[in-house]
Amino acid sequence: MRGDKPYPGGRAGDQVIAGRARSLLRCERFKAKVLAQFGVQSVGGDISQWFAAHVHLAQRHLLDEANVNQWMVANKPDVVVLAAAKVGGIHANSTYPAEFIHQNLVINSNLIHSSWTHQVSRFLNLGSSCIYPWQSKQPIKEEYLLSGPLEKTNEAYALAKIAGLEMCKHYRHQYGVLFH
């Protein structure tokens, strides 16, 4: 338990993330072909309806690298937005942490590397407030990432999502791509 402190960010934090995703697409001056991958919970569920009205959606099995690459070759997206992840509640997170970290690392790796390989112009990797330390100051700011211990029941999910953000940072640094 966290005591009397509420979970950092929560729904409000996820709505800020969703707003950033919408801003990314509004600032495009061209008709972008977008691969948007969503989960049904958290930020993915919040923005999938907006994206459905504005961009091309594709549902792919993200754990299959060949499948992701085939879709990239066939559709040549300009922008990739990743809001999908293997997620669960406290019981699932505590019982199956190896599955959560493995599947989320594979999803990140497949989509980020395939996006780079297939010359996607922009990549947006959305996370949730779960990736921030469980005792973050409110409201949460980006600089709080990695500034303290993670919630133990979400640690495997959070570490995989943080690894995806770090992967985007290193692709940006090494290749000069707009991956965030």
C-alpha atoms as a PDB file:
ATOM      1  CA  MET A   1       0.000   0.000   0.000  1.00  0.00           C
ATOM      2  CA  ARG A   2       1.024   3.548  -0.593  1.00  0.00           C
ATOM      3  CA  GLY A   3      -0.405   4.872   2.616  1.00  0.00           C
ATOM      4  CA  ASP A   4      -2.397   8.059   2.296  1.00  0.00           C
ATOM      5  CA  LYS A   5      -0.648   9.277  -0.879  1.00  0.00           C
ATOM      6  CA  PRO A   6      -2.669   8.818  -4.096  1.00  0.00           C
ATOM      7  CA  TYR A   7      -1.179   7.025  -7.074  1.00  0.00           C
ATOM      8  CA  PRO A   8       0.895   9.564  -9.031  1.00  0.00           C
ATOM      9  CA  GLY A   9      -0.698  10.997 -12.129  1.00  0.00           C
ATOM     10  CA  GLY A  10      -3.523   8.549 -12.522  1.00  0.00           C
ATOM     11  CA  ARG A  11      -6.217   9.409 -15.036  1.00  0.00           C
ATOM     12  CA  ALA A  12      -5.195  13.085 -15.160  1.00  0.00           C
ATOM     13  CA  GLY A  13      -1.609  12.160 -16.037  1.00  0.00           C
ATOM     14  CA  ASP A  14      -2.807   9.817 -18.770  1.00  0.00           C
ATOM     15  CA  GLN A  15      -4.994  12.594 -20.224  1.00  0.00           C
ATOM     16  CA  VAL A  16      -1.913  14.849 -20.496  1.00  0.00           C
ATOM     17  CA  ILE A  17      -0.120  12.082 -22.408  1.00  0.00           C
ATOM     18  CA  ALA A  18      -3.122  11.656 -24.707  1.00  0.00           C
ATOM     19  CA  GLY A  19      -3.102  15.407 -25.371  1.00  0.00           C
ATOM     20  CA  ARG A  20       0.545  15.232 -26.427  1.00  0.00           C
ATOM     21  CA  ALA A  21      -0.278  12.449 -28.879  1.00  0.00           C
ATOM     22  CA  ARG A  22      -3.057  14.528 -30.433  1.00  0.00           C
ATOM     23  CA  SER A  23      -0.710  17.539 -30.639  1.00  0.00           C
ATOM     24  CA  LEU A  24       1.907  15.485 -32.465  1.00  0.00           C
ATOM     25  CA  LEU A  25      -0.546  14.660 -35.218  1.00  0.00           C
ATOM     26  CA  ARG A  26      -2.069  18.124 -35.460  1.00  0.00           C
ATOM     27  CA  CYS A  27       1.355  19.641 -36.066  1.00  0.00           C
ATOM     28  CA  GLU A  28       1.932  17.446 -39.113  1.00  0.00           C
ATOM     29  CA  ARG A  29       1.681  19.574 -42.245  1.00  0.00           C
ATOM     30  CA  PHE A  30       1.257  16.545 -44.475  1.00  0.00           C
ATOM     31  CA  LYS A  31      -1.267  13.762 -44.654  1.00  0.00           C
ATOM     32  CA  ALA A  32       0.602  11.232 -42.558  1.00  0.00           C
ATOM     33  CA  LYS A  33       0.017   7.523 -42.730  1.00  0.00           C
ATOM     34  CA  VAL A  34       0.032   6.504 -39.089  1.00  0.00           C
ATOM     35  CA  LEU A  35       0.361   3.134 -37.427  1.00  0.00           C
ATOM     36  CA  ALA A  36      -1.352   3.520 -34.070  1.00  0.00           C
ATOM     37  CA  GLN A  37      -1.278   0.608 -31.654  1.00  0.00           C
ATOM     38  CA  PHE A  38      -3.574   0.776 -28.634  1.00  0.00           C
ATOM     39  CA  GLY A  39      -4.447  -1.248 -25.628  1.00  0.00           C
ATOM     40  CA  VAL A  40      -7.918  -1.052 -24.156  1.00  0.00           C
ATOM     41  CA  GLN A  41      -6.803   0.198 -20.756  1.00  0.00           C
ATOM     42  CA  SER A  42      -5.314   3.470 -19.567  1.00  0.00           C
ATOM     43  CA  VAL A  43      -4.020   5.956 -22.124  1.00  0.00           C
ATOM     44  CA  GLY A  44      -4.589   3.602 -25.075  1.00  0.00           C
ATOM     45  CA  GLY A  45      -8.290   3.371 -24.390  1.00  0.00           C
ATOM     46  CA  ASP A  46      -8.532   7.129 -23.820  1.00  0.00           C
ATOM     47  CA  ILE A  47      -7.148   8.148 -27.184  1.00  0.00           C
ATOM     48  CA  SER A  48      -8.042   5.259 -29.481  1.00  0.00           C
ATOM     49  CA  GLN A  49     -11.439   6.762 -30.266  1.00  0.00           C
ATOM     50  CA  TRP A  50      -9.861  10.104 -31.262  1.00  0.00           C
ATOM     51  CA  PHE A  51      -7.277   8.348 -33.422  1.00  0.00           C
ATOM     52  CA  ALA A  52      -9.931   6.199 -35.096  1.00  0.00           C
ATOM     53  CA  ALA A  53     -11.528   9.357 -36.457  1.00  0.00           C
ATOM     54  CA  HIS A  54      -8.252  10.936 -37.609  1.00  0.00           C
ATOM     55  CA  VAL A  55      -5.682   8.361 -38.654  1.00  0.00           C
ATOM     56  CA  HIS A  56      -5.214   4.953 -40.244  1.00  0.00           C
ATOM     57  CA  LEU A  57      -5.294   2.264 -37.562  1.00  0.00           C
ATOM     58  CA  ALA A  58      -3.681  -1.124 -37.888  1.00  0.00           C
ATOM     59  CA  GLN A  59      -3.949  -4.028 -35.529  1.00  0.00           C
ATOM     60  CA  ARG A  60      -0.905  -6.267 -35.665  1.00  0.00           C
ATOM     61  CA  HIS A  61       0.509  -8.952 -33.453  1.00  0.00           C
ATOM     62  CA  LEU A  62       3.335  -6.875 -31.989  1.00  0.00           C
ATOM     63  CA  LEU A  63       5.226  -9.815 -30.504  1.00  0.00           C
ATOM     64  CA  ASP A  64       5.945 -11.165 -34.003  1.00  0.00           C
ATOM     65  CA  GLU A  65       8.844  -9.213 -35.535  1.00  0.00           C
ATOM     66  CA  ALA A  66       8.266 -10.613 -39.025  1.00  0.00           C
ATOM     67  CA  ASN A  67       4.591  -9.620 -38.890  1.00  0.00           C
ATOM     68  CA  VAL A  68       5.481  -6.064 -37.827  1.00  0.00           C
ATOM     69  CA  ASN A  69       8.077  -5.781 -40.605  1.00  0.00           C
ATOM     70  CA  GLN A  70       5.655  -7.123 -43.228  1.00  0.00           C
ATOM     71  CA  TRP A  71       3.098  -4.494 -42.251  1.00  0.00           C
ATOM     72  CA  MET A  72       5.729  -1.743 -42.389  1.00  0.00           C
ATOM     73  CA  VAL A  73       6.810  -2.794 -45.886  1.00  0.00           C
ATOM     74  CA  ALA A  74       3.239  -2.994 -47.156  1.00  0.00           C
ATOM     75  CA  ASN A  75       1.947   0.246 -45.584  1.00  0.00           C
ATOM     76  CA  LYS A  76       4.983   2.545 -45.211  1.00  0.00           C
ATOM     77  CA  PRO A  77       3.699   4.616 -42.258  1.00  0.00           C
ATOM     78  CA  ASP A  78       5.074   8.112 -41.678  1.00  0.00           C
ATOM     79  CA  VAL A  79       4.292   8.120 -37.954  1.00  0.00           C
ATOM     80  CA  VAL A  80       4.030   5.306 -35.410  1.00  0.00           C
ATOM     81  CA  VAL A  81       2.226   5.820 -32.094  1.00  0.00           C
ATOM     82  CA  LEU A  82       2.644   3.023 -29.569  1.00  0.00           C
ATOM     83  CA  ALA A  83       0.178   2.982 -26.679  1.00  0.00           C
ATOM     84  CA  ALA A  84      -0.249  -0.799 -26.551  1.00  0.00           C
ATOM     85  CA  ALA A  85       1.309  -2.956 -23.867  1.00  0.00           C
ATOM     86  CA  LYS A  86       0.740  -6.092 -21.878  1.00  0.00           C
ATOM     87  CA  VAL A  87      -0.983  -4.735 -18.789  1.00  0.00           C
ATOM     88  CA  GLY A  88      -2.732  -6.215 -15.805  1.00  0.00           C
ATOM     89  CA  GLY A  89      -3.900  -5.581 -12.308  1.00  0.00           C
ATOM     90  CA  ILE A  90      -1.972  -5.933  -9.076  1.00  0.00           C
ATOM     91  CA  HIS A  91      -2.474  -9.716  -8.926  1.00  0.00           C
ATOM     92  CA  ALA A  92      -1.364 -10.335 -12.534  1.00  0.00           C
ATOM     93  CA  ASN A  93       1.590  -7.957 -12.225  1.00  0.00           C
ATOM     94  CA  SER A  94       2.743  -9.675  -9.026  1.00  0.00           C
ATOM     95  CA  THR A  95       2.178 -13.214 -10.304  1.00  0.00           C
ATOM     96  CA  TYR A  96       3.585 -12.912 -13.852  1.00  0.00           C
ATOM     97  CA  PRO A  97       6.312 -10.222 -13.798  1.00  0.00           C
ATOM     98  CA  ALA A  98       8.561 -12.140 -16.239  1.00  0.00           C
ATOM     99  CA  GLU A  99       5.771 -12.207 -18.843  1.00  0.00           C
ATOM    100  CA  PHE A 100       5.125  -8.486 -18.404  1.00  0.00           C
ATOM    101  CA  ILE A 101       8.752  -7.431 -18.779  1.00  0.00           C
ATOM    102  CA  HIS A 102       9.463  -9.838 -21.646  1.00  0.00           C
ATOM    103  CA  GLN A 103       6.401  -9.077 -23.764  1.00  0.00           C
ATOM    104  CA  ASN A 104       6.672  -5.316 -23.289  1.00  0.00           C
ATOM    105  CA  LEU A 105      10.389  -5.328 -24.140  1.00  0.00           C
ATOM    106  CA  VAL A 106       9.648  -7.335 -27.305  1.00  0.00           C
ATOM    107  CA  ILE A 107       6.809  -4.993 -28.332  1.00  0.00           C
ATOM    108  CA  ASN A 108       9.054  -1.944 -27.869  1.00  0.00           C
ATOM    109  CA  SER A 109      12.002  -3.511 -29.665  1.00  0.00           C
ATOM    110  CA  ASN A 110       9.947  -4.769 -32.609  1.00  0.00           C
ATOM    111  CA  LEU A 111       8.166  -1.481 -33.260  1.00  0.00           C
ATOM    112  CA  ILE A 112      11.026   0.916 -32.566  1.00  0.00           C
ATOM    113  CA  HIS A 113      13.621  -0.957 -34.611  1.00  0.00           C
ATOM    114  CA  SER A 114      11.198  -1.701 -37.435  1.00  0.00           C
ATOM    115  CA  SER A 115      10.205   1.975 -37.521  1.00  0.00           C
ATOM    116  CA  TRP A 116      13.842   2.953 -37.883  1.00  0.00           C
ATOM    117  CA  THR A 117      14.547   0.242 -40.469  1.00  0.00           C
ATOM    118  CA  HIS A 118      11.561   1.341 -42.567  1.00  0.00           C
ATOM    119  CA  GLN A 119      12.351   5.083 -42.263  1.00  0.00           C
ATOM    120  CA  VAL A 120       9.350   6.162 -40.210  1.00  0.00           C
ATOM    121  CA  SER A 121       9.652   9.937 -39.713  1.00  0.00           C
ATOM    122  CA  ARG A 122       8.228  10.065 -36.176  1.00  0.00           C
ATOM    123  CA  PHE A 123       7.698   7.571 -33.376  1.00  0.00           C
ATOM    124  CA  LEU A 124       5.755   8.335 -30.216  1.00  0.00           C
ATOM    125  CA  ASN A 125       6.013   5.792 -27.408  1.00  0.00           C
ATOM    126  CA  LEU A 126       3.279   6.479 -24.876  1.00  0.00           C
ATOM    127  CA  GLY A 127       3.525   5.287 -21.316  1.00  0.00           C
ATOM    128  CA  SER A 128       1.450   5.926 -18.239  1.00  0.00           C
ATOM    129  CA  SER A 129       1.967   7.302 -14.776  1.00  0.00           C
ATOM    130  CA  CYS A 130       3.018   3.772 -13.710  1.00  0.00           C
ATOM    131  CA  ILE A 131       6.527   4.383 -15.088  1.00  0.00           C
ATOM    132  CA  TYR A 132       7.234   7.138 -12.567  1.00  0.00           C
ATOM    133  CA  PRO A 133       8.418   6.605  -8.990  1.00  0.00           C
ATOM    134  CA  TRP A 134       5.507   5.769  -6.745  1.00  0.00           C
ATOM    135  CA  GLN A 135       6.234   8.745  -4.473  1.00  0.00           C
ATOM    136  CA  SER A 136       6.550  11.360  -7.227  1.00  0.00           C
ATOM    137  CA  LYS A 137       5.599  14.926  -6.452  1.00  0.00           C
ATOM    138  CA  GLN A 138       2.304  16.062  -7.917  1.00  0.00           C
ATOM    139  CA  PRO A 139       1.734  16.990 -10.643  1.00  0.00           C
ATOM    140  CA  ILE A 140       4.187  14.587 -12.289  1.00  0.00           C
ATOM    141  CA  LYS A 141       6.856  16.117 -14.506  1.00  0.00           C
ATOM    142  CA  GLU A 142       9.007  14.310 -17.067  1.00  0.00           C
ATOM    143  CA  GLU A 143      12.171  14.980 -15.094  1.00  0.00           C
ATOM    144  CA  TYR A 144      10.829  12.788 -12.266  1.00  0.00           C
ATOM    145  CA  LEU A 145      11.365   9.681 -14.401  1.00  0.00           C
ATOM    146  CA  LEU A 146      14.030   7.446 -12.810  1.00  0.00           C
ATOM    147  CA  SER A 147      14.248   9.712  -9.752  1.00  0.00           C
ATOM    148  CA  GLY A 148      13.115   7.119  -7.219  1.00  0.00           C
ATOM    149  CA  PRO A 149      11.891   3.556  -6.667  1.00  0.00           C
ATOM    150  CA  LEU A 150       9.027   2.200  -8.742  1.00  0.00           C
ATOM    151  CA  GLU A 151       5.864   0.643  -7.341  1.00  0.00           C
ATOM    152  CA  LYS A 152       6.862  -3.003  -6.754  1.00  0.00           C
ATOM    153  CA  THR A 153       3.690  -4.467  -8.237  1.00  0.00           C
ATOM    154  CA  ASN A 154       4.219  -2.518 -11.501  1.00  0.00           C
ATOM    155  CA  GLU A 155       8.001  -2.764 -11.648  1.00  0.00           C
ATOM    156  CA  ALA A 156       8.295  -5.265 -14.538  1.00  0.00           C
ATOM    157  CA  TYR A 157       5.845  -3.323 -16.730  1.00  0.00           C
ATOM    158  CA  ALA A 158       7.403   0.010 -15.783  1.00  0.00           C
ATOM    159  CA  LEU A 159      10.985  -1.089 -16.474  1.00  0.00           C
ATOM    160  CA  ALA A 160      10.026  -2.390 -19.916  1.00  0.00           C
ATOM    161  CA  LYS A 161       8.217   0.849 -20.794  1.00  0.00           C
ATOM    162  CA  ILE A 162      11.164   2.909 -19.509  1.00  0.00           C
ATOM    163  CA  ALA A 163      13.493   0.754 -21.642  1.00  0.00           C
ATOM    164  CA  GLY A 164      11.348   1.662 -24.667  1.00  0.00           C
ATOM    165  CA  LEU A 165      11.684   5.366 -23.873  1.00  0.00           C
ATOM    166  CA  GLU A 166      15.439   4.959 -23.467  1.00  0.00           C
ATOM    167  CA  MET A 167      15.618   3.036 -26.739  1.00  0.00           C
ATOM    168  CA  CYS A 168      13.882   5.940 -28.493  1.00  0.00           C
ATOM    169  CA  LYS A 169      16.328   8.367 -26.874  1.00  0.00           C
ATOM    170  CA  HIS A 170      19.332   6.385 -28.123  1.00  0.00           C
ATOM    171  CA  TYR A 171      17.917   6.021 -31.645  1.00  0.00           C
ATOM    172  CA  ARG A 172      17.341   9.792 -31.620  1.00  0.00           C
ATOM    173  CA  HIS A 173      20.935  10.385 -30.507  1.00  0.00           C
ATOM    174  CA  GLN A 174      22.625   7.895 -32.831  1.00  0.00           C
ATOM    175  CA  TYR A 175      20.438   8.213 -35.931  1.00  0.00           C
ATOM    176  CA  GLY A 176      18.927  11.704 -35.598  1.00  0.00           C
ATOM    177  CA  VAL A 177      15.342  10.424 -35.846  1.00  0.00           C
ATOM    178  CA  LEU A 178      12.298  11.979 -34.190  1.00  0.00           C
ATOM    179  CA  PHE A 179      11.583   9.081 -31.865  1.00  0.00           C
ATOM    180  CA  HIS A 180      10.135   9.930 -28.449  1.00  0.00           C
END
